[in-house]
C-alpha atoms as a PDB file:
ATOM      1  CA  UNK A   1     127.720-142.772   9.349  1.00  0.00           C
ATOM      2  CA  UNK A   2     127.491-145.867   7.172  1.00  0.00           C
ATOM      3  CA  UNK A   3     125.500-145.831   3.979  1.00  0.00           C
ATOM      4  CA  UNK A   4     122.138-147.604   3.697  1.00  0.00           C
ATOM      5  CA  UNK A   5     123.081-150.000   0.907  1.00  0.00           C
ATOM      6  CA  UNK A   6     123.388-153.266   2.791  1.00  0.00           C
ATOM      7  CA  UNK A   7     121.069-156.186   2.134  1.00  0.00           C
ATOM      8  CA  UNK A   8     121.978-156.814  -1.510  1.00  0.00           C
ATOM      9  CA  UNK A   9     121.491-160.541  -0.955  1.00  0.00           C
ATOM     10  CA  UNK A  10     117.837-159.991  -0.066  1.00  0.00           C
ATOM     11  CA  UNK A  11     117.330-157.810  -3.127  1.00  0.00           C
ATOM     12  CA  UNK A  12     118.994-160.324  -5.469  1.00  0.00           C
ATOM     13  CA  UNK A  13     116.579-163.045  -4.352  1.00  0.00           C
ATOM     14  CA  UNK A  14     113.755-160.950  -5.776  1.00  0.00           C
ATOM     15  CA  UNK A  15     115.377-159.462  -8.868  1.00  0.00           C
ATOM     16  CA  UNK A  16     118.196-160.665 -11.085  1.00  0.00           C
ATOM     17  CA  UNK A  17     119.832-159.602 -14.309  1.00  0.00           C
ATOM     18  CA  UNK A  18     120.021-156.148 -15.837  1.00  0.00           C
ATOM     19  CA  UNK A  19     116.877-154.912 -14.123  1.00  0.00           C
ATOM     20  CA  UNK A  20     118.330-155.692 -10.711  1.00  0.00           C
ATOM     21  CA  UNK A  21     121.627-154.069 -11.713  1.00  0.00           C
ATOM     22  CA  UNK A  22     119.914-150.859 -12.840  1.00  0.00           C
ATOM     23  CA  UNK A  23     117.732-150.737  -9.739  1.00  0.00           C
ATOM     24  CA  UNK A  24     120.799-151.032  -7.519  1.00  0.00           C
ATOM     25  CA  UNK A  25     122.573-148.249  -9.367  1.00  0.00           C
ATOM     26  CA  UNK A  26     119.522-146.012  -8.932  1.00  0.00           C
ATOM     27  CA  UNK A  27     119.543-146.902  -5.233  1.00  0.00           C
ATOM     28  CA  UNK A  28     123.255-146.081  -4.970  1.00  0.00           C
ATOM     29  CA  UNK A  29     122.669-142.678  -6.590  1.00  0.00           C
ATOM     30  CA  UNK A  30     119.816-141.924  -4.186  1.00  0.00           C
ATOM     31  CA  UNK A  31     121.942-142.944  -1.224  1.00  0.00           C
ATOM     32  CA  UNK A  32     124.867-140.772  -2.329  1.00  0.00           C
ATOM     33  CA  UNK A  33     122.610-137.776  -2.891  1.00  0.00           C
ATOM     34  CA  UNK A  34     120.860-138.234   0.475  1.00  0.00           C
ATOM     35  CA  UNK A  35     124.147-138.558   2.343  1.00  0.00           C
ATOM     36  CA  UNK A  36     125.573-135.395   0.829  1.00  0.00           C
ATOM     37  CA  UNK A  37     122.339-133.400   1.041  1.00  0.00           C
ATOM     38  CA  UNK A  38     122.154-134.102   4.774  1.00  0.00           C
ATOM     39  CA  UNK A  39     125.192-131.841   5.204  1.00  0.00           C
ATOM     40  CA  UNK A  40     123.979-129.042   2.906  1.00  0.00           C
ATOM     41  CA  UNK A  41     122.170-125.932   4.031  1.00  0.00           C
ATOM     42  CA  UNK A  42     118.541-125.435   2.863  1.00  0.00           C
ATOM     43  CA  UNK A  43     119.535-123.103   0.021  1.00  0.00           C
ATOM     44  CA  UNK A  44     121.917-125.619  -1.487  1.00  0.00           C
ATOM     45  CA  UNK A  45     119.348-128.421  -1.192  1.00  0.00           C
ATOM     46  CA  UNK A  46     116.847-126.155  -2.915  1.00  0.00           C
ATOM     47  CA  UNK A  47     119.176-125.442  -5.827  1.00  0.00           C
ATOM     48  CA  UNK A  48     119.961-129.138  -6.304  1.00  0.00           C
ATOM     49  CA  UNK A  49     116.319-130.208  -6.129  1.00  0.00           C
ATOM     50  CA  UNK A  50     115.232-127.571  -8.641  1.00  0.00           C
ATOM     51  CA  UNK A  51     117.712-128.888 -11.161  1.00  0.00           C
ATOM     52  CA  UNK A  52     116.058-132.294 -10.874  1.00  0.00           C
ATOM     53  CA  UNK A  53     112.596-130.702 -11.011  1.00  0.00           C
ATOM     54  CA  UNK A  54     113.510-128.878 -14.214  1.00  0.00           C
ATOM     55  CA  UNK A  55     114.701-132.137 -15.760  1.00  0.00           C
ATOM     56  CA  UNK A  56     111.461-133.945 -14.887  1.00  0.00           C
ATOM     57  CA  UNK A  57     109.190-131.076 -15.839  1.00  0.00           C
ATOM     58  CA  UNK A  58     110.840-129.290 -18.752  1.00  0.00           C
ATOM     59  CA  UNK A  59     112.862-132.019 -20.437  1.00  0.00           C
ATOM     60  CA  UNK A  60     111.047-135.277 -19.668  1.00  0.00           C
ATOM     61  CA  UNK A  61     107.653-133.523 -19.362  1.00  0.00           C
ATOM     62  CA  UNK A  62     106.787-136.035 -16.641  1.00  0.00           C
ATOM     63  CA  UNK A  63     102.974-135.785 -16.374  1.00  0.00           C
ATOM     64  CA  UNK A  64     103.216-132.053 -17.011  1.00  0.00           C
ATOM     65  CA  UNK A  65     100.043-131.853 -19.100  1.00  0.00           C
ATOM     66  CA  UNK A  66      98.152-133.863 -16.501  1.00  0.00           C
ATOM     67  CA  UNK A  67      99.279-131.577 -13.664  1.00  0.00           C
ATOM     68  CA  UNK A  68      98.324-128.381 -15.515  1.00  0.00           C
ATOM     69  CA  UNK A  69      94.926-129.759 -16.548  1.00  0.00           C
ATOM     70  CA  UNK A  70      94.187-131.003 -13.022  1.00  0.00           C
ATOM     71  CA  UNK A  71      95.111-127.665 -11.451  1.00  0.00           C
ATOM     72  CA  UNK A  72      92.782-125.922 -13.868  1.00  0.00           C
ATOM     73  CA  UNK A  73      89.924-128.313 -13.164  1.00  0.00           C
ATOM     74  CA  UNK A  74      90.252-128.559  -9.363  1.00  0.00           C
ATOM     75  CA  UNK A  75      91.346-125.027  -8.466  1.00  0.00           C
ATOM     76  CA  UNK A  76      89.535-123.106 -11.207  1.00  0.00           C
ATOM     77  CA  UNK A  77      92.723-121.603 -12.609  1.00  0.00           C
ATOM     78  CA  UNK A  78      93.274-120.357 -16.131  1.00  0.00           C
ATOM     79  CA  UNK A  79      96.020-121.896 -18.239  1.00  0.00           C
ATOM     80  CA  UNK A  80      98.682-119.321 -17.362  1.00  0.00           C
ATOM     81  CA  UNK A  81      98.066-119.509 -13.605  1.00  0.00           C
ATOM     82  CA  UNK A  82      97.964-123.320 -13.730  1.00  0.00           C
ATOM     83  CA  UNK A  83     101.352-123.471 -15.461  1.00  0.00           C
ATOM     84  CA  UNK A  84     102.872-121.041 -12.952  1.00  0.00           C
ATOM     85  CA  UNK A  85     101.556-123.100 -10.030  1.00  0.00           C
ATOM     86  CA  UNK A  86     102.530-126.315 -11.822  1.00  0.00           C
ATOM     87  CA  UNK A  87     106.161-125.229 -11.874  1.00  0.00           C
ATOM     88  CA  UNK A  88     105.986-124.609  -8.131  1.00  0.00           C
ATOM     89  CA  UNK A  89     104.445-128.078  -7.628  1.00  0.00           C
ATOM     90  CA  UNK A  90     107.445-129.782  -9.249  1.00  0.00           C
ATOM     91  CA  UNK A  91     109.922-127.567  -7.403  1.00  0.00           C
ATOM     92  CA  UNK A  92     108.281-128.252  -4.034  1.00  0.00           C
ATOM     93  CA  UNK A  93     107.915-131.994  -4.635  1.00  0.00           C
ATOM     94  CA  UNK A  94     111.578-132.543  -5.451  1.00  0.00           C
ATOM     95  CA  UNK A  95     112.733-130.204  -2.685  1.00  0.00           C
ATOM     96  CA  UNK A  96     110.620-132.117  -0.174  1.00  0.00           C
ATOM     97  CA  UNK A  97     111.723-135.493  -1.574  1.00  0.00           C
ATOM     98  CA  UNK A  98     115.387-134.588  -1.208  1.00  0.00           C
ATOM     99  CA  UNK A  99     114.961-133.325   2.333  1.00  0.00           C
ATOM    100  CA  UNK A 100     113.022-136.434   3.326  1.00  0.00           C
ATOM    101  CA  UNK A 101     115.770-138.624   1.903  1.00  0.00           C
ATOM    102  CA  UNK A 102     118.231-136.940   4.265  1.00  0.00           C
ATOM    103  CA  UNK A 103     116.426-138.613   7.179  1.00  0.00           C
ATOM    104  CA  UNK A 104     118.688-141.588   6.493  1.00  0.00           C
ATOM    105  CA  UNK A 105     121.634-139.503   7.691  1.00  0.00           C
ATOM    106  CA  UNK A 106     120.160-137.150  10.297  1.00  0.00           C
ATOM    107  CA  UNK A 107     120.683-137.575  14.011  1.00  0.00           C
ATOM    108  CA  UNK A 108     117.684-137.176  16.310  1.00  0.00           C
ATOM    109  CA  UNK A 109     118.860-133.762  17.473  1.00  0.00           C
ATOM    110  CA  UNK A 110     118.995-132.576  13.868  1.00  0.00           C
ATOM    111  CA  UNK A 111     115.393-133.669  13.322  1.00  0.00           C
ATOM    112  CA  UNK A 112     114.327-131.799  16.458  1.00  0.00           C
ATOM    113  CA  UNK A 113     116.063-128.645  15.209  1.00  0.00           C
ATOM    114  CA  UNK A 114     114.031-128.756  11.996  1.00  0.00           C
ATOM    115  CA  UNK A 115     110.571-129.342  13.513  1.00  0.00           C
ATOM    116  CA  UNK A 116     108.147-127.301  15.626  1.00  0.00           C
ATOM    117  CA  UNK A 117     105.051-129.195  16.803  1.00  0.00           C
ATOM    118  CA  UNK A 118     101.520-127.828  17.156  1.00  0.00           C
ATOM    119  CA  UNK A 119      98.769-129.798  18.886  1.00  0.00           C
ATOM    120  CA  UNK A 120     100.833-132.426  20.690  1.00  0.00           C
ATOM    121  CA  UNK A 121      98.453-132.237  23.653  1.00  0.00           C
ATOM    122  CA  UNK A 122      95.692-133.533  21.355  1.00  0.00           C
ATOM    123  CA  UNK A 123      97.686-136.652  20.565  1.00  0.00           C
ATOM    124  CA  UNK A 124      98.601-137.144  24.208  1.00  0.00           C
ATOM    125  CA  UNK A 125      94.930-137.035  25.216  1.00  0.00           C
ATOM    126  CA  UNK A 126      93.850-139.476  22.487  1.00  0.00           C
ATOM    127  CA  UNK A 127      96.775-141.797  23.200  1.00  0.00           C
ATOM    128  CA  UNK A 128      95.941-141.910  26.915  1.00  0.00           C
ATOM    129  CA  UNK A 129      92.745-143.849  26.139  1.00  0.00           C
ATOM    130  CA  UNK A 130      94.964-146.921  25.622  1.00  0.00           C
ATOM    131  CA  UNK A 131      93.397-148.100  22.368  1.00  0.00           C
ATOM    132  CA  UNK A 132      96.144-146.863  20.092  1.00  0.00           C
ATOM    133  CA  UNK A 133      95.735-144.021  17.621  1.00  0.00           C
ATOM    134  CA  UNK A 134      95.279-144.120  13.848  1.00  0.00           C
ATOM    135  CA  UNK A 135      97.218-141.254  12.273  1.00  0.00           C
ATOM    136  CA  UNK A 136      96.268-140.422   8.698  1.00  0.00           C
ATOM    137  CA  UNK A 137      98.188-138.154   6.362  1.00  0.00           C
ATOM    138  CA  UNK A 138      98.761-137.665   2.648  1.00  0.00           C
ATOM    139  CA  UNK A 139     101.501-137.063   0.099  1.00  0.00           C
ATOM    140  CA  UNK A 140     101.685-133.498   1.290  1.00  0.00           C
ATOM    141  CA  UNK A 141     104.722-131.607   2.529  1.00  0.00           C
ATOM    142  CA  UNK A 142     107.276-133.606   4.496  1.00  0.00           C
ATOM    143  CA  UNK A 143     105.181-136.607   5.502  1.00  0.00           C
ATOM    144  CA  UNK A 144     108.206-138.827   6.238  1.00  0.00           C
ATOM    145  CA  UNK A 145     109.284-136.460   9.028  1.00  0.00           C
ATOM    146  CA  UNK A 146     106.040-137.158  10.921  1.00  0.00           C
ATOM    147  CA  UNK A 147     106.890-140.743  11.865  1.00  0.00           C
ATOM    148  CA  UNK A 148     110.558-140.009  12.561  1.00  0.00           C
ATOM    149  CA  UNK A 149     109.685-137.142  14.919  1.00  0.00           C
ATOM    150  CA  UNK A 150     107.036-139.115  16.805  1.00  0.00           C
ATOM    151  CA  UNK A 151     109.270-142.130  17.428  1.00  0.00           C
ATOM    152  CA  UNK A 152     112.073-139.787  18.408  1.00  0.00           C
ATOM    153  CA  UNK A 153     109.751-138.388  21.095  1.00  0.00           C
ATOM    154  CA  UNK A 154     108.841-141.684  22.688  1.00  0.00           C
ATOM    155  CA  UNK A 155     105.892-142.992  20.692  1.00  0.00           C
ATOM    156  CA  UNK A 156     105.973-146.548  19.388  1.00  0.00           C
ATOM    157  CA  UNK A 157     104.679-146.563  15.853  1.00  0.00           C
ATOM    158  CA  UNK A 158     104.026-148.775  12.865  1.00  0.00           C
ATOM    159  CA  UNK A 159     103.718-147.214   9.414  1.00  0.00           C
ATOM    160  CA  UNK A 160     101.830-148.947   6.617  1.00  0.00           C
ATOM    161  CA  UNK A 161     103.686-148.490   3.333  1.00  0.00           C
ATOM    162  CA  UNK A 162     102.988-149.382  -0.280  1.00  0.00           C
ATOM    163  CA  UNK A 163     105.861-151.207  -1.960  1.00  0.00           C
ATOM    164  CA  UNK A 164     107.836-149.486  -4.724  1.00  0.00           C
ATOM    165  CA  UNK A 165     108.362-151.055  -8.138  1.00  0.00           C
ATOM    166  CA  UNK A 166     112.119-150.581  -7.748  1.00  0.00           C
ATOM    167  CA  UNK A 167     112.955-153.275  -5.195  1.00  0.00           C
ATOM    168  CA  UNK A 168     116.353-151.818  -4.304  1.00  0.00           C
ATOM    169  CA  UNK A 169     114.971-148.337  -3.644  1.00  0.00           C
ATOM    170  CA  UNK A 170     112.080-149.862  -1.714  1.00  0.00           C
ATOM    171  CA  UNK A 171     114.580-151.639   0.564  1.00  0.00           C
ATOM    172  CA  UNK A 172     116.566-148.393   0.946  1.00  0.00           C
ATOM    173  CA  UNK A 173     113.449-146.457   1.950  1.00  0.00           C
ATOM    174  CA  UNK A 174     112.465-149.096   4.477  1.00  0.00           C
ATOM    175  CA  UNK A 175     115.969-148.961   5.976  1.00  0.00           C
ATOM    176  CA  UNK A 176     115.735-145.162   6.106  1.00  0.00           C
ATOM    177  CA  UNK A 177     112.483-145.352   8.062  1.00  0.00           C
ATOM    178  CA  UNK A 178     113.763-148.038  10.432  1.00  0.00           C
ATOM    179  CA  UNK A 179     116.869-145.937  11.154  1.00  0.00           C
ATOM    180  CA  UNK A 180     114.752-143.835  13.517  1.00  0.00           C
ATOM    181  CA  UNK A 181     112.842-146.765  15.028  1.00  0.00           C
ATOM    182  CA  UNK A 182     109.694-146.759  12.898  1.00  0.00           C
ATOM    183  CA  UNK A 183     108.223-150.218  12.372  1.00  0.00           C
ATOM    184  CA  UNK A 184     107.085-150.937   8.811  1.00  0.00           C
ATOM    185  CA  UNK A 185     104.374-153.206   7.479  1.00  0.00           C
ATOM    186  CA  UNK A 186     103.349-153.846   3.883  1.00  0.00           C
ATOM    187  CA  UNK A 187      99.980-152.409   2.834  1.00  0.00           C
ATOM    188  CA  UNK A 188      99.153-155.687   1.108  1.00  0.00           C
ATOM    189  CA  UNK A 189      99.649-157.888   4.195  1.00  0.00           C
ATOM    190  CA  UNK A 190      99.142-155.515   7.084  1.00  0.00           C
ATOM    191  CA  UNK A 191      95.984-156.543   8.976  1.00  0.00           C
ATOM    192  CA  UNK A 192      97.649-158.696  11.622  1.00  0.00           C
ATOM    193  CA  UNK A 193     100.369-156.093  12.262  1.00  0.00           C
ATOM    194  CA  UNK A 194      97.767-153.311  12.390  1.00  0.00           C
ATOM    195  CA  UNK A 195      95.629-155.065  14.995  1.00  0.00           C
ATOM    196  CA  UNK A 196      98.668-155.983  17.062  1.00  0.00           C
ATOM    197  CA  UNK A 197      99.908-152.387  16.954  1.00  0.00           C
ATOM    198  CA  UNK A 198      96.634-150.931  18.194  1.00  0.00           C
ATOM    199  CA  UNK A 199      96.093-153.624  20.858  1.00  0.00           C
ATOM    200  CA  UNK A 200      99.439-152.569  22.312  1.00  0.00           C
ATOM    201  CA  UNK A 201      98.267-148.955  22.404  1.00  0.00           C
ATOM    202  CA  UNK A 202     100.787-147.840  19.782  1.00  0.00           C
ATOM    203  CA  UNK A 203     100.399-145.422  16.883  1.00  0.00           C
ATOM    204  CA  UNK A 204      99.466-146.570  13.391  1.00  0.00           C
ATOM    205  CA  UNK A 205     100.496-144.333  10.475  1.00  0.00           C
ATOM    206  CA  UNK A 206      98.647-144.357   7.143  1.00  0.00           C
ATOM    207  CA  UNK A 207      99.108-142.256   4.004  1.00  0.00           C
ATOM    208  CA  UNK A 208      95.632-142.321   2.481  1.00  0.00           C
ATOM    209  CA  UNK A 209      95.233-139.818  -0.329  1.00  0.00           C
ATOM    210  CA  UNK A 210      95.660-141.826  -3.533  1.00  0.00           C
ATOM    211  CA  UNK A 211      93.122-143.401  -5.871  1.00  0.00           C
ATOM    212  CA  UNK A 212      91.748-146.569  -4.245  1.00  0.00           C
ATOM    213  CA  UNK A 213      90.268-148.179  -7.338  1.00  0.00           C
ATOM    214  CA  UNK A 214      86.845-149.779  -7.463  1.00  0.00           C
ATOM    215  CA  UNK A 215      87.087-150.962  -3.840  1.00  0.00           C
ATOM    216  CA  UNK A 216      87.447-147.467  -2.404  1.00  0.00           C
ATOM    217  CA  UNK A 217      84.971-145.233  -0.595  1.00  0.00           C
ATOM    218  CA  UNK A 218      83.742-142.386  -2.791  1.00  0.00           C
ATOM    219  CA  UNK A 219      83.887-139.044  -0.982  1.00  0.00           C
ATOM    220  CA  UNK A 220      84.069-135.457  -2.192  1.00  0.00           C
ATOM    221  CA  UNK A 221      87.543-134.082  -2.840  1.00  0.00           C
ATOM    222  CA  UNK A 222      87.891-130.709  -4.546  1.00  0.00           C
ATOM    223  CA  UNK A 223      84.258-130.802  -5.621  1.00  0.00           C
ATOM    224  CA  UNK A 224      84.245-134.238  -7.232  1.00  0.00           C
ATOM    225  CA  UNK A 225      83.778-137.757  -5.963  1.00  0.00           C
ATOM    226  CA  UNK A 226      87.108-139.544  -5.556  1.00  0.00           C
ATOM    227  CA  UNK A 227      87.767-143.181  -4.698  1.00  0.00           C
ATOM    228  CA  UNK A 228      89.442-143.066  -1.293  1.00  0.00           C
ATOM    229  CA  UNK A 229      91.019-145.720   0.923  1.00  0.00           C
ATOM    230  CA  UNK A 230      88.452-146.731   3.513  1.00  0.00           C
ATOM    231  CA  UNK A 231      90.954-148.545   5.717  1.00  0.00           C
ATOM    232  CA  UNK A 232      91.604-145.764   8.256  1.00  0.00           C
ATOM    233  CA  UNK A 233      87.907-145.355   9.038  1.00  0.00           C
ATOM    234  CA  UNK A 234      87.267-149.108   9.093  1.00  0.00           C
ATOM    235  CA  UNK A 235      90.181-149.724  11.461  1.00  0.00           C
ATOM    236  CA  UNK A 236      89.117-146.926  13.814  1.00  0.00           C
ATOM    237  CA  UNK A 237      85.495-148.103  13.911  1.00  0.00           C
ATOM    238  CA  UNK A 238      86.399-151.755  14.505  1.00  0.00           C
ATOM    239  CA  UNK A 239      89.088-151.183  17.147  1.00  0.00           C
ATOM    240  CA  UNK A 240      87.838-148.069  18.948  1.00  0.00           C
ATOM    241  CA  UNK A 241      91.101-146.247  18.206  1.00  0.00           C
ATOM    242  CA  UNK A 242      90.787-142.470  17.691  1.00  0.00           C
ATOM    243  CA  UNK A 243      91.649-141.224  14.207  1.00  0.00           C
ATOM    244  CA  UNK A 244      93.735-138.060  13.768  1.00  0.00           C
ATOM    245  CA  UNK A 245      94.906-136.126  10.713  1.00  0.00           C
ATOM    246  CA  UNK A 246      98.524-134.948  10.772  1.00  0.00           C
ATOM    247  CA  UNK A 247     100.739-132.948   8.415  1.00  0.00           C
ATOM    248  CA  UNK A 248     104.290-131.634   8.307  1.00  0.00           C
ATOM    249  CA  UNK A 249     104.121-128.205   6.670  1.00  0.00           C
ATOM    250  CA  UNK A 250     107.540-127.284   5.238  1.00  0.00           C
ATOM    251  CA  UNK A 251     109.160-124.187   6.662  1.00  0.00           C
ATOM    252  CA  UNK A 252     110.245-122.286   3.585  1.00  0.00           C
ATOM    253  CA  UNK A 253     112.695-120.914   2.752  1.00  0.00           C
ATOM    254  CA  UNK A 254     114.150-122.293   6.002  1.00  0.00           C
ATOM    255  CA  UNK A 255     113.028-124.557   8.862  1.00  0.00           C
ATOM    256  CA  UNK A 256     111.496-125.065  11.328  1.00  0.00           C
ATOM    257  CA  UNK A 257     108.818-127.160   9.683  1.00  0.00           C
ATOM    258  CA  UNK A 258     105.396-127.033  11.363  1.00  0.00           C
ATOM    259  CA  UNK A 259     104.091-130.394  12.518  1.00  0.00           C
ATOM    260  CA  UNK A 260     100.319-129.990  12.851  1.00  0.00           C
ATOM    261  CA  UNK A 261      98.234-132.501  14.808  1.00  0.00           C
ATOM    262  CA  UNK A 262      94.481-132.047  14.422  1.00  0.00           C
ATOM    263  CA  UNK A 263      91.706-132.739  16.898  1.00  0.00           C
ATOM    264  CA  UNK A 264      90.834-136.456  16.952  1.00  0.00           C
ATOM    265  CA  UNK A 265      87.725-138.072  15.575  1.00  0.00           C
ATOM    266  CA  UNK A 266      86.436-140.630  18.063  1.00  0.00           C
ATOM    267  CA  UNK A 267      84.836-143.741  16.546  1.00  0.00           C
ATOM    268  CA  UNK A 268      81.946-143.727  19.034  1.00  0.00           C
ATOM    269  CA  UNK A 269      80.756-140.508  17.386  1.00  0.00           C
ATOM    270  CA  UNK A 270      80.149-142.392  14.127  1.00  0.00           C
ATOM    271  CA  UNK A 271      77.860-145.318  13.321  1.00  0.00           C
ATOM    272  CA  UNK A 272      79.669-148.633  12.851  1.00  0.00           C
ATOM    273  CA  UNK A 273      78.329-149.206   9.357  1.00  0.00           C
ATOM    274  CA  UNK A 274      78.938-148.070   5.790  1.00  0.00           C
ATOM    275  CA  UNK A 275      77.442-144.628   6.488  1.00  0.00           C
ATOM    276  CA  UNK A 276      79.789-144.099   9.433  1.00  0.00           C
ATOM    277  CA  UNK A 277      82.747-145.332   7.407  1.00  0.00           C
ATOM    278  CA  UNK A 278      81.953-142.868   4.647  1.00  0.00           C
ATOM    279  CA  UNK A 279      81.424-139.971   7.076  1.00  0.00           C
ATOM    280  CA  UNK A 280      84.745-140.586   8.805  1.00  0.00           C
ATOM    281  CA  UNK A 281      86.557-140.953   5.476  1.00  0.00           C
ATOM    282  CA  UNK A 282      85.004-137.687   4.318  1.00  0.00           C
ATOM    283  CA  UNK A 283      86.138-135.971   7.517  1.00  0.00           C
ATOM    284  CA  UNK A 284      89.847-136.630   7.081  1.00  0.00           C
ATOM    285  CA  UNK A 285      89.664-136.088   3.314  1.00  0.00           C
ATOM    286  CA  UNK A 286      88.134-132.651   3.891  1.00  0.00           C
ATOM    287  CA  UNK A 287      90.953-131.799   6.309  1.00  0.00           C
ATOM    288  CA  UNK A 288      93.538-132.783   3.710  1.00  0.00           C
ATOM    289  CA  UNK A 289      91.786-130.621   1.122  1.00  0.00           C
ATOM    290  CA  UNK A 290      91.906-127.669   3.524  1.00  0.00           C
ATOM    291  CA  UNK A 291      95.676-128.021   3.828  1.00  0.00           C
ATOM    292  CA  UNK A 292      96.133-128.369   0.072  1.00  0.00           C
ATOM    293  CA  UNK A 293      93.991-125.326  -0.736  1.00  0.00           C
ATOM    294  CA  UNK A 294      96.143-123.251   1.614  1.00  0.00           C
ATOM    295  CA  UNK A 295      99.422-124.511   0.093  1.00  0.00           C
ATOM    296  CA  UNK A 296      98.588-126.276  -3.193  1.00  0.00           C
ATOM    297  CA  UNK A 297     102.205-126.613  -4.312  1.00  0.00           C
ATOM    298  CA  UNK A 298     102.851-128.982  -1.408  1.00  0.00           C
ATOM    299  CA  UNK A 299     100.624-131.814  -2.641  1.00  0.00           C
ATOM    300  CA  UNK A 300     101.494-134.577  -5.117  1.00  0.00           C
ATOM    301  CA  UNK A 301      99.360-133.443  -8.076  1.00  0.00           C
ATOM    302  CA  UNK A 302     101.221-135.829 -10.403  1.00  0.00           C
ATOM    303  CA  UNK A 303      99.080-138.698  -9.131  1.00  0.00           C
ATOM    304  CA  UNK A 304      95.882-139.493 -11.085  1.00  0.00           C
ATOM    305  CA  UNK A 305      93.694-138.977  -8.046  1.00  0.00           C
ATOM    306  CA  UNK A 306      90.313-138.982  -9.812  1.00  0.00           C
ATOM    307  CA  UNK A 307      91.058-141.897 -12.146  1.00  0.00           C
ATOM    308  CA  UNK A 308      88.377-144.257 -10.774  1.00  0.00           C
ATOM    309  CA  UNK A 309      84.821-143.117 -11.370  1.00  0.00           C
ATOM    310  CA  UNK A 310      81.772-144.066  -9.269  1.00  0.00           C
ATOM    311  CA  UNK A 311      79.588-146.855 -10.630  1.00  0.00           C
ATOM    312  CA  UNK A 312      76.548-145.657 -12.562  1.00  0.00           C
ATOM    313  CA  UNK A 313      73.352-145.179 -10.625  1.00  0.00           C
ATOM    314  CA  UNK A 314      70.642-147.533 -11.896  1.00  0.00           C
ATOM    315  CA  UNK A 315      67.252-146.134 -12.647  1.00  0.00           C
END
């Protein structure tokens, strides 16, 4: 299979000079690692990913203090337990990242062999309404496998993605997703594509678990208000599309991975106003928290999730 490093002309129109050169070399390294890892067994992928995790955690100390402090604050752990879990967080993140990168070089049958689905009948029922379905997930487990599996099994789907700072890697990741037929739209310019997707009755995929800044909806997440993307709830309420939470729980130490599809939330059960938007946002955020509490090492704790604070209450 060919490598996913075409399109250098498009990249060079955006970046030039040493920065572009370094970004391309990083992309080439990712591509080489993904291509080789696709042929490795799970144990070998695990060993390779843990070497990278050790580099990020123990040598570069990449947000290590932040992760430990956040685990203590959100899960009520003491310092020793937080450091033990923190090590598992880095190991799991890099193991999952490497396996997701292999999607660029996996055939459909290989994806099927790695995934067992639970709750597909729920999606089929929601999809049959003909208004499309909004699927919401987070940076938990193997989220990239969700879209690849669904398109592989006959669903037409558009995923809304945030652009990466490294333009070359961003282009590589988009090519990886399109390899399996997933349509991609940019989170900054997505409204027209989103509405078109749902009008056609297709699936819309959103990853909605990061800090949303001062324009987010504040809902409770691990006991504290967190600024959360309100887009999934707004889209569902305005279009009538059901909203469903999905997750790909890694099968460790070996596949199959468990693809869980939750019961849908139907927009007609919520008021079409700010209160309904907040209630629906809280609903899928609570489901994500449930998954994370059960397997905390599978979530991206490196992100500063509680960075934005609610505005002060006057009076």
